[in-house]
Amino acid sequence: MRLIIDRFEGKFAVCIQEDKIINIPRYKLPIEAKDGDCLALENGFFVVKKEETEEKRRSVKKLMEDLKKRNK
């Protein structure tokens, strides 16, 4: 199961899995989990996929830069 944390609302992390939104209790996530992190379920535990998260962040940053260039 692969998820991306969209945001935190109270005691839940609102996560996106493909075209679904899933609320996961915060206590089930690693302490260091934050908005935008990619998660995987491994051996019954959620783990932050650091490399995948960084890759997605770089990709989004590049898309934003490209959009700014096009709008000038």
PDB file of N, CA and C in Angstrom:
ATOM      1  N   MET A   1       0.842  -1.172   0.000  1.00  0.00           N
ATOM      2  CA  MET A   1       0.000   0.000   0.000  1.00  0.00           C
ATOM      3  C   MET A   1       0.893   1.244   0.000  1.00  0.00           C
ATOM      4  N   ARG A   2       0.723   2.121  -0.980  1.00  0.00           N
ATOM      5  CA  ARG A   2       1.474   3.372  -1.081  1.00  0.00           C
ATOM      6  C   ARG A   2       0.523   4.542  -0.882  1.00  0.00           C
ATOM      7  N   LEU A   3       0.930   5.481  -0.044  1.00  0.00           N
ATOM      8  CA  LEU A   3       0.104   6.639   0.290  1.00  0.00           C
ATOM      9  C   LEU A   3       0.959   7.887   0.302  1.00  0.00           C
ATOM     10  N   ILE A   4       0.310   9.038   0.166  1.00  0.00           N
ATOM     11  CA  ILE A   4       0.965  10.329   0.358  1.00  0.00           C
ATOM     12  C   ILE A   4       0.141  11.088   1.392  1.00  0.00           C
ATOM     13  N   ILE A   5       0.825  11.651   2.390  1.00  0.00           N
ATOM     14  CA  ILE A   5       0.129  12.433   3.401  1.00  0.00           C
ATOM     15  C   ILE A   5      -0.216  13.792   2.795  1.00  0.00           C
ATOM     16  N   ASP A   6      -1.495  14.080   2.711  1.00  0.00           N
ATOM     17  CA  ASP A   6      -1.946  15.362   2.189  1.00  0.00           C
ATOM     18  C   ASP A   6      -1.913  16.422   3.278  1.00  0.00           C
ATOM     19  N   ARG A   7      -2.426  16.063   4.460  1.00  0.00           N
ATOM     20  CA  ARG A   7      -2.484  17.010   5.567  1.00  0.00           C
ATOM     21  C   ARG A   7      -2.857  16.258   6.846  1.00  0.00           C
ATOM     22  N   PHE A   8      -2.756  16.962   7.948  1.00  0.00           N
ATOM     23  CA  PHE A   8      -3.191  16.426   9.238  1.00  0.00           C
ATOM     24  C   PHE A   8      -4.418  17.202   9.687  1.00  0.00           C
ATOM     25  N   GLU A   9      -5.405  16.471  10.159  1.00  0.00           N
ATOM     26  CA  GLU A   9      -6.616  17.067  10.720  1.00  0.00           C
ATOM     27  C   GLU A   9      -6.888  16.404  12.055  1.00  0.00           C
ATOM     28  N   GLY A  10      -6.636  17.144  13.111  1.00  0.00           N
ATOM     29  CA  GLY A  10      -6.840  16.594  14.449  1.00  0.00           C
ATOM     30  C   GLY A  10      -5.980  15.370  14.680  1.00  0.00           C
ATOM     31  N   LYS A  11      -6.623  14.265  15.005  1.00  0.00           N
ATOM     32  CA  LYS A  11      -5.904  13.024  15.315  1.00  0.00           C
ATOM     33  C   LYS A  11      -5.673  12.153  14.092  1.00  0.00           C
ATOM     34  N   PHE A  12      -5.959  12.677  12.903  1.00  0.00           N
ATOM     35  CA  PHE A  12      -5.841  11.877  11.691  1.00  0.00           C
ATOM     36  C   PHE A  12      -4.904  12.496  10.661  1.00  0.00           C
ATOM     37  N   ALA A  13      -4.284  11.633   9.887  1.00  0.00           N
ATOM     38  CA  ALA A  13      -3.542  12.046   8.701  1.00  0.00           C
ATOM     39  C   ALA A  13      -4.456  11.752   7.514  1.00  0.00           C
ATOM     40  N   VAL A  14      -4.708  12.774   6.716  1.00  0.00           N
ATOM     41  CA  VAL A  14      -5.519  12.601   5.508  1.00  0.00           C
ATOM     42  C   VAL A  14      -4.545  12.229   4.406  1.00  0.00           C
ATOM     43  N   CYS A  15      -4.686  11.005   3.894  1.00  0.00           N
ATOM     44  CA  CYS A  15      -3.747  10.467   2.917  1.00  0.00           C
ATOM     45  C   CYS A  15      -4.443  10.184   1.586  1.00  0.00           C
ATOM     46  N   ILE A  16      -3.648  10.256   0.524  1.00  0.00           N
ATOM     47  CA  ILE A  16      -4.159   9.964  -0.811  1.00  0.00           C
ATOM     48  C   ILE A  16      -3.522   8.671  -1.292  1.00  0.00           C
ATOM     49  N   GLN A  17      -4.369   7.779  -1.761  1.00  0.00           N
ATOM     50  CA  GLN A  17      -3.915   6.520  -2.361  1.00  0.00           C
ATOM     51  C   GLN A  17      -4.575   6.436  -3.726  1.00  0.00           C
ATOM     52  N   GLU A  18      -3.776   6.693  -4.766  1.00  0.00           N
ATOM     53  CA  GLU A  18      -4.291   6.756  -6.135  1.00  0.00           C
ATOM     54  C   GLU A  18      -5.471   7.713  -6.201  1.00  0.00           C
ATOM     55  N   ASP A  19      -6.698   7.232  -6.328  1.00  0.00           N
ATOM     56  CA  ASP A  19      -7.859   8.113  -6.429  1.00  0.00           C
ATOM     57  C   ASP A  19      -8.742   8.074  -5.184  1.00  0.00           C
ATOM     58  N   LYS A  20      -8.194   7.570  -4.068  1.00  0.00           N
ATOM     59  CA  LYS A  20      -8.953   7.477  -2.824  1.00  0.00           C
ATOM     60  C   LYS A  20      -8.337   8.352  -1.748  1.00  0.00           C
ATOM     61  N   ILE A  21      -9.173   8.805  -0.828  1.00  0.00           N
ATOM     62  CA  ILE A  21      -8.697   9.518   0.357  1.00  0.00           C
ATOM     63  C   ILE A  21      -8.925   8.606   1.554  1.00  0.00           C
ATOM     64  N   ILE A  22      -7.872   8.441   2.339  1.00  0.00           N
ATOM     65  CA  ILE A  22      -7.913   7.541   3.491  1.00  0.00           C
ATOM     66  C   ILE A  22      -7.466   8.313   4.726  1.00  0.00           C
ATOM     67  N   ASN A  23      -8.236   8.226   5.805  1.00  0.00           N
ATOM     68  CA  ASN A  23      -7.858   8.831   7.082  1.00  0.00           C
ATOM     69  C   ASN A  23      -7.188   7.774   7.935  1.00  0.00           C
ATOM     70  N   ILE A  24      -5.974   8.081   8.370  1.00  0.00           N
ATOM     71  CA  ILE A  24      -5.210   7.148   9.198  1.00  0.00           C
ATOM     72  C   ILE A  24      -4.947   7.817  10.541  1.00  0.00           C
ATOM     73  N   PRO A  25      -5.231   7.121  11.638  1.00  0.00           N
ATOM     74  CA  PRO A  25      -4.929   7.706  12.950  1.00  0.00           C
ATOM     75  C   PRO A  25      -3.440   8.054  13.045  1.00  0.00           C
ATOM     76  N   ARG A  26      -3.175   9.239  13.571  1.00  0.00           N
ATOM     77  CA  ARG A  26      -1.791   9.733  13.665  1.00  0.00           C
ATOM     78  C   ARG A  26      -0.882   8.773  14.422  1.00  0.00           C
ATOM     79  N   TYR A  27      -1.422   8.117  15.440  1.00  0.00           N
ATOM     80  CA  TYR A  27      -0.576   7.240  16.262  1.00  0.00           C
ATOM     81  C   TYR A  27      -0.028   6.050  15.479  1.00  0.00           C
ATOM     82  N   LYS A  28      -0.613   5.753  14.331  1.00  0.00           N
ATOM     83  CA  LYS A  28      -0.136   4.628  13.522  1.00  0.00           C
ATOM     84  C   LYS A  28       1.027   5.019  12.614  1.00  0.00           C
ATOM     85  N   LEU A  29       1.340   6.316  12.551  1.00  0.00           N
ATOM     86  CA  LEU A  29       2.404   6.800  11.669  1.00  0.00           C
ATOM     87  C   LEU A  29       3.686   7.053  12.454  1.00  0.00           C
ATOM     88  N   PRO A  30       4.824   7.030  11.771  1.00  0.00           N
ATOM     89  CA  PRO A  30       6.073   7.379  12.446  1.00  0.00           C
ATOM     90  C   PRO A  30       6.011   8.822  12.951  1.00  0.00           C
ATOM     91  N   ILE A  31       6.687   9.110  14.032  1.00  0.00           N
ATOM     92  CA  ILE A  31       6.682  10.446  14.630  1.00  0.00           C
ATOM     93  C   ILE A  31       7.140  11.500  13.629  1.00  0.00           C
ATOM     94  N   GLU A  32       8.108  11.165  12.780  1.00  0.00           N
ATOM     95  CA  GLU A  32       8.681  12.149  11.856  1.00  0.00           C
ATOM     96  C   GLU A  32       7.814  12.408  10.615  1.00  0.00           C
ATOM     97  N   ALA A  33       6.708  11.686  10.455  1.00  0.00           N
ATOM     98  CA  ALA A  33       5.858  11.842   9.270  1.00  0.00           C
ATOM     99  C   ALA A  33       5.286  13.257   9.198  1.00  0.00           C
ATOM    100  N   LYS A  34       5.318  13.826   7.965  1.00  0.00           N
ATOM    101  CA  LYS A  34       4.806  15.180   7.777  1.00  0.00           C
ATOM    102  C   LYS A  34       4.093  15.287   6.435  1.00  0.00           C
ATOM    103  N   ASP A  35       3.431  16.427   6.230  1.00  0.00           N
ATOM    104  CA  ASP A  35       2.713  16.664   4.975  1.00  0.00           C
ATOM    105  C   ASP A  35       3.620  16.396   3.776  1.00  0.00           C
ATOM    106  N   GLY A  36       3.088  15.706   2.793  1.00  0.00           N
ATOM    107  CA  GLY A  36       3.831  15.447   1.567  1.00  0.00           C
ATOM    108  C   GLY A  36       4.665  14.182   1.581  1.00  0.00           C
ATOM    109  N   ASP A  37       4.804  13.553   2.738  1.00  0.00           N
ATOM    110  CA  ASP A  37       5.609  12.326   2.814  1.00  0.00           C
ATOM    111  C   ASP A  37       4.904  11.166   2.128  1.00  0.00           C
ATOM    112  N   CYS A  38       5.709  10.333   1.485  1.00  0.00           N
ATOM    113  CA  CYS A  38       5.218   9.089   0.894  1.00  0.00           C
ATOM    114  C   CYS A  38       5.347   8.000   1.959  1.00  0.00           C
ATOM    115  N   LEU A  39       4.304   7.195   2.069  1.00  0.00           N
ATOM    116  CA  LEU A  39       4.280   6.123   3.063  1.00  0.00           C
ATOM    117  C   LEU A  39       4.090   4.777   2.387  1.00  0.00           C
ATOM    118  N   ALA A  40       4.588   3.759   3.054  1.00  0.00           N
ATOM    119  CA  ALA A  40       4.345   2.386   2.619  1.00  0.00           C
ATOM    120  C   ALA A  40       4.009   1.569   3.858  1.00  0.00           C
ATOM    121  N   LEU A  41       3.207   0.560   3.660  1.00  0.00           N
ATOM    122  CA  LEU A  41       2.875  -0.364   4.742  1.00  0.00           C
ATOM    123  C   LEU A  41       3.810  -1.558   4.601  1.00  0.00           C
ATOM    124  N   GLU A  42       4.696  -1.722   5.582  1.00  0.00           N
ATOM    125  CA  GLU A  42       5.684  -2.804   5.556  1.00  0.00           C
ATOM    126  C   GLU A  42       5.609  -3.576   6.869  1.00  0.00           C
ATOM    127  N   ASN A  43       5.348  -4.855   6.758  1.00  0.00           N
ATOM    128  CA  ASN A  43       5.258  -5.725   7.939  1.00  0.00           C
ATOM    129  C   ASN A  43       4.260  -5.199   8.971  1.00  0.00           C
ATOM    130  N   GLY A  44       3.171  -4.630   8.478  1.00  0.00           N
ATOM    131  CA  GLY A  44       2.119  -4.150   9.371  1.00  0.00           C
ATOM    132  C   GLY A  44       2.339  -2.756   9.940  1.00  0.00           C
ATOM    133  N   PHE A  45       3.430  -2.093   9.553  1.00  0.00           N
ATOM    134  CA  PHE A  45       3.736  -0.753  10.055  1.00  0.00           C
ATOM    135  C   PHE A  45       3.905   0.222   8.902  1.00  0.00           C
ATOM    136  N   PHE A  46       3.458   1.468   9.119  1.00  0.00           N
ATOM    137  CA  PHE A  46       3.678   2.505   8.123  1.00  0.00           C
ATOM    138  C   PHE A  46       5.092   3.044   8.273  1.00  0.00           C
ATOM    139  N   VAL A  47       5.785   3.207   7.148  1.00  0.00           N
ATOM    140  CA  VAL A  47       7.129   3.776   7.146  1.00  0.00           C
ATOM    141  C   VAL A  47       7.178   4.898   6.108  1.00  0.00           C
ATOM    142  N   VAL A  48       7.977   5.919   6.417  1.00  0.00           N
ATOM    143  CA  VAL A  48       8.178   7.018   5.483  1.00  0.00           C
ATOM    144  C   VAL A  48       9.221   6.566   4.458  1.00  0.00           C
ATOM    145  N   LYS A  49       8.880   6.695   3.192  1.00  0.00           N
ATOM    146  CA  LYS A  49       9.796   6.358   2.104  1.00  0.00           C
ATOM    147  C   LYS A  49      10.532   7.637   1.715  1.00  0.00           C
ATOM    148  N   LYS A  50      11.681   7.863   2.335  1.00  0.00           N
ATOM    149  CA  LYS A  50      12.400   9.131   2.201  1.00  0.00           C
ATOM    150  C   LYS A  50      12.839   9.421   0.769  1.00  0.00           C
ATOM    151  N   GLU A  51      13.396   8.439   0.091  1.00  0.00           N
ATOM    152  CA  GLU A  51      13.862   8.664  -1.279  1.00  0.00           C
ATOM    153  C   GLU A  51      12.696   8.988  -2.209  1.00  0.00           C
ATOM    154  N   GLU A  52      11.615   8.248  -2.070  1.00  0.00           N
ATOM    155  CA  GLU A  52      10.428   8.478  -2.892  1.00  0.00           C
ATOM    156  C   GLU A  52       9.834   9.865  -2.609  1.00  0.00           C
ATOM    157  N   THR A  53       9.827  10.255  -1.337  1.00  0.00           N
ATOM    158  CA  THR A  53       9.325  11.574  -0.952  1.00  0.00           C
ATOM    159  C   THR A  53      10.168  12.669  -1.594  1.00  0.00           C
ATOM    160  N   GLU A  54      11.476  12.554  -1.503  1.00  0.00           N
ATOM    161  CA  GLU A  54      12.358  13.571  -2.081  1.00  0.00           C
ATOM    162  C   GLU A  54      12.209  13.642  -3.603  1.00  0.00           C
ATOM    163  N   GLU A  55      12.067  12.488  -4.233  1.00  0.00           N
ATOM    164  CA  GLU A  55      11.875  12.451  -5.683  1.00  0.00           C
ATOM    165  C   GLU A  55      10.585  13.186  -6.074  1.00  0.00           C
ATOM    166  N   LYS A  56       9.514  12.947  -5.338  1.00  0.00           N
ATOM    167  CA  LYS A  56       8.236  13.618  -5.618  1.00  0.00           C
ATOM    168  C   LYS A  56       8.347  15.119  -5.377  1.00  0.00           C
ATOM    169  N   ARG A  57       9.045  15.511  -4.319  1.00  0.00           N
ATOM    170  CA  ARG A  57       9.214  16.943  -4.036  1.00  0.00           C
ATOM    171  C   ARG A  57      10.004  17.627  -5.135  1.00  0.00           C
ATOM    172  N   ARG A  58      11.063  16.987  -5.604  1.00  0.00           N
ATOM    173  CA  ARG A  58      11.845  17.565  -6.714  1.00  0.00           C
ATOM    174  C   ARG A  58      10.986  17.689  -7.957  1.00  0.00           C
ATOM    175  N   SER A  59      10.178  16.683  -8.236  1.00  0.00           N
ATOM    176  CA  SER A  59       9.310  16.682  -9.407  1.00  0.00           C
ATOM    177  C   SER A  59       8.288  17.821  -9.334  1.00  0.00           C
ATOM    178  N   VAL A  60       7.675  18.005  -8.173  1.00  0.00           N
ATOM    179  CA  VAL A  60       6.694  19.073  -8.004  1.00  0.00           C
ATOM    180  C   VAL A  60       7.369  20.439  -8.121  1.00  0.00           C
ATOM    181  N   LYS A  61       8.546  20.576  -7.536  1.00  0.00           N
ATOM    182  CA  LYS A  61       9.287  21.841  -7.616  1.00  0.00           C
ATOM    183  C   LYS A  61       9.598  22.188  -9.061  1.00  0.00           C
ATOM    184  N   LYS A  62      10.024  21.195  -9.839  1.00  0.00           N
ATOM    185  CA  LYS A  62      10.330  21.423 -11.254  1.00  0.00           C
ATOM    186  C   LYS A  62       9.071  21.832 -12.014  1.00  0.00           C
ATOM    187  N   LEU A  63       7.953  21.160 -11.745  1.00  0.00           N
ATOM    188  CA  LEU A  63       6.698  21.526 -12.399  1.00  0.00           C
ATOM    189  C   LEU A  63       6.302  22.965 -12.084  1.00  0.00           C
ATOM    190  N   MET A  64       6.462  23.368 -10.822  1.00  0.00           N
ATOM    191  CA  MET A  64       6.134  24.735 -10.430  1.00  0.00           C
ATOM    192  C   MET A  64       7.035  25.750 -11.124  1.00  0.00           C
ATOM    193  N   GLU A  65       8.325  25.443 -11.221  1.00  0.00           N
ATOM    194  CA  GLU A  65       9.257  26.335 -11.920  1.00  0.00           C
ATOM    195  C   GLU A  65       8.898  26.449 -13.394  1.00  0.00           C
ATOM    196  N   ASP A  66       8.548  25.326 -14.012  1.00  0.00           N
ATOM    197  CA  ASP A  66       8.150  25.338 -15.421  1.00  0.00           C
ATOM    198  C   ASP A  66       6.893  26.177 -15.634  1.00  0.00           C
ATOM    199  N   LEU A  67       5.934  26.069 -14.720  1.00  0.00           N
ATOM    200  CA  LEU A  67       4.708  26.867 -14.823  1.00  0.00           C
ATOM    201  C   LEU A  67       5.006  28.360 -14.700  1.00  0.00           C
ATOM    202  N   LYS A  68       5.894  28.714 -13.787  1.00  0.00           N
ATOM    203  CA  LYS A  68       6.258  30.117 -13.615  1.00  0.00           C
ATOM    204  C   LYS A  68       6.894  30.662 -14.896  1.00  0.00           C
ATOM    205  N   LYS A  69       7.766  29.869 -15.509  1.00  0.00           N
ATOM    206  CA  LYS A  69       8.429  30.296 -16.748  1.00  0.00           C
ATOM    207  C   LYS A  69       7.414  30.504 -17.860  1.00  0.00           C
ATOM    208  N   ARG A  70       6.421  29.623 -17.946  1.00  0.00           N
ATOM    209  CA  ARG A  70       5.418  29.720 -19.006  1.00  0.00           C
ATOM    210  C   ARG A  70       4.513  30.924 -18.818  1.00  0.00           C
ATOM    211  N   ASN A  71       4.319  31.354 -17.580  1.00  0.00           N
ATOM    212  CA  ASN A  71       3.400  32.455 -17.296  1.00  0.00           C
ATOM    213  C   ASN A  71       4.070  33.828 -17.331  1.00  0.00           C
ATOM    214  N   LYS A  72       5.329  33.886 -17.680  1.00  0.00           N
ATOM    215  CA  LYS A  72       6.035  35.188 -17.752  1.00  0.00           C
ATOM    216  C   LYS A  72       5.785  35.849 -19.082  1.00  0.00           C
TER     217      LYS A  72
END
